[in-house]
Amino acid sequence: MPLYEFDCPGCGQPFEKLVRSAAAVSEVVCPNCGNHHPRKKLSTFAVKGGSSSSSLSSPVSSGCSTGGL
């Protein structure tokens, strides 16, 4: 189930909601004030991997020496 972000035009509160399908987005209700017409926000896609973004810009040691003996 995708997690969507919403803004409520009634109370102004942002909230997140797990929604079963794209069609069910129209059934979402604000948990704060009960407004039946929250606005779905545009969200960025996030991926969590095994490495951090800071390690992508730094050299990676593979265990092989590049010079010397």
C-alpha atoms as a PDB file:
ATOM      1  CA  MET A   1       0.000   0.000   0.000  1.00  0.00           C
ATOM      2  CA  PRO A   2       1.405   3.400  -0.908  1.00  0.00           C
ATOM      3  CA  LEU A   3       1.768   6.138   1.686  1.00  0.00           C
ATOM      4  CA  TYR A   4       0.333   9.445   0.474  1.00  0.00           C
ATOM      5  CA  GLU A   5       0.754  12.918   1.944  1.00  0.00           C
ATOM      6  CA  PHE A   6      -2.248  15.243   2.212  1.00  0.00           C
ATOM      7  CA  ASP A   7      -3.053  18.825   3.236  1.00  0.00           C
ATOM      8  CA  CYS A   8      -6.467  19.612   4.668  1.00  0.00           C
ATOM      9  CA  PRO A   9      -8.038  22.824   3.316  1.00  0.00           C
ATOM     10  CA  GLY A  10     -10.426  22.892   6.302  1.00  0.00           C
ATOM     11  CA  CYS A  11      -7.962  22.912   9.214  1.00  0.00           C
ATOM     12  CA  GLY A  12      -4.655  23.358   7.354  1.00  0.00           C
ATOM     13  CA  GLN A  13      -3.049  20.295   8.923  1.00  0.00           C
ATOM     14  CA  PRO A  14      -0.786  18.015   6.858  1.00  0.00           C
ATOM     15  CA  PHE A  15      -1.156  14.258   7.364  1.00  0.00           C
ATOM     16  CA  GLU A  16      -0.103  10.940   5.845  1.00  0.00           C
ATOM     17  CA  LYS A  17      -2.368   8.041   4.977  1.00  0.00           C
ATOM     18  CA  LEU A  18      -1.807   4.489   3.723  1.00  0.00           C
ATOM     19  CA  VAL A  19      -4.181   4.006   0.792  1.00  0.00           C
ATOM     20  CA  ARG A  20      -5.041   0.621  -0.736  1.00  0.00           C
ATOM     21  CA  SER A  21      -5.517   1.862  -4.313  1.00  0.00           C
ATOM     22  CA  ALA A  22      -5.512   5.043  -6.370  1.00  0.00           C
ATOM     23  CA  ALA A  23      -9.321   4.964  -6.430  1.00  0.00           C
ATOM     24  CA  ALA A  24      -9.415   4.940  -2.609  1.00  0.00           C
ATOM     25  CA  VAL A  25      -7.622   8.314  -2.452  1.00  0.00           C
ATOM     26  CA  SER A  26     -11.002   9.994  -2.981  1.00  0.00           C
ATOM     27  CA  GLU A  27     -12.276   8.314   0.230  1.00  0.00           C
ATOM     28  CA  VAL A  28      -9.565   9.795   2.493  1.00  0.00           C
ATOM     29  CA  VAL A  29     -10.846  11.915   5.398  1.00  0.00           C
ATOM     30  CA  CYS A  30      -8.791  14.360   7.482  1.00  0.00           C
ATOM     31  CA  PRO A  31      -8.105  12.732  10.877  1.00  0.00           C
ATOM     32  CA  ASN A  32      -8.027  16.150  12.581  1.00  0.00           C
ATOM     33  CA  CYS A  33     -11.304  17.787  11.466  1.00  0.00           C
ATOM     34  CA  GLY A  34     -13.102  15.133   9.383  1.00  0.00           C
ATOM     35  CA  ASN A  35     -12.977  17.085   6.102  1.00  0.00           C
ATOM     36  CA  HIS A  36     -13.834  14.749   3.188  1.00  0.00           C
ATOM     37  CA  HIS A  37     -11.829  16.727   0.602  1.00  0.00           C
ATOM     38  CA  PRO A  38      -8.149  16.798   1.572  1.00  0.00           C
ATOM     39  CA  ARG A  39      -5.646  17.694  -1.156  1.00  0.00           C
ATOM     40  CA  LYS A  40      -3.066  15.098  -2.104  1.00  0.00           C
ATOM     41  CA  LYS A  41       0.419  16.602  -2.079  1.00  0.00           C
ATOM     42  CA  LEU A  42       3.063  15.866  -4.664  1.00  0.00           C
ATOM     43  CA  SER A  43       5.692  13.747  -2.964  1.00  0.00           C
ATOM     44  CA  THR A  44       9.192  12.787  -3.909  1.00  0.00           C
ATOM     45  CA  PHE A  45      10.109   9.178  -4.259  1.00  0.00           C
ATOM     46  CA  ALA A  46      12.530   7.973  -1.593  1.00  0.00           C
ATOM     47  CA  VAL A  47      14.783   4.948  -1.745  1.00  0.00           C
ATOM     48  CA  LYS A  48      16.748   3.653   1.189  1.00  0.00           C
ATOM     49  CA  GLY A  49      19.803   1.659   0.244  1.00  0.00           C
ATOM     50  CA  GLY A  50      22.841   0.149   1.854  1.00  0.00           C
ATOM     51  CA  SER A  51      25.087   3.116   1.175  1.00  0.00           C
ATOM     52  CA  SER A  52      24.772   6.762   2.040  1.00  0.00           C
ATOM     53  CA  SER A  53      24.943   9.553  -0.505  1.00  0.00           C
ATOM     54  CA  SER A  54      28.179  10.830   1.056  1.00  0.00           C
ATOM     55  CA  SER A  55      29.944   7.577   0.176  1.00  0.00           C
ATOM     56  CA  LEU A  56      28.958   7.980  -3.479  1.00  0.00           C
ATOM     57  CA  SER A  57      31.125  11.059  -3.902  1.00  0.00           C
ATOM     58  CA  SER A  58      34.169   9.719  -2.050  1.00  0.00           C
ATOM     59  CA  PRO A  59      36.606   7.142  -3.415  1.00  0.00           C
ATOM     60  CA  VAL A  60      35.759   3.568  -2.596  1.00  0.00           C
ATOM     61  CA  SER A  61      38.503   1.282  -1.359  1.00  0.00           C
ATOM     62  CA  SER A  62      38.238  -2.082  -3.024  1.00  0.00           C
ATOM     63  CA  GLY A  63      41.092  -3.650  -1.116  1.00  0.00           C
ATOM     64  CA  CYS A  64      43.453  -3.517  -4.131  1.00  0.00           C
ATOM     65  CA  SER A  65      46.480  -1.335  -3.874  1.00  0.00           C
ATOM     66  CA  THR A  66      47.085   1.091  -6.709  1.00  0.00           C
ATOM     67  CA  GLY A  67      50.823   1.325  -6.295  1.00  0.00           C
ATOM     68  CA  GLY A  68      53.758   0.337  -4.199  1.00  0.00           C
ATOM     69  CA  LEU A  69      55.024  -3.198  -3.695  1.00  0.00           C
END
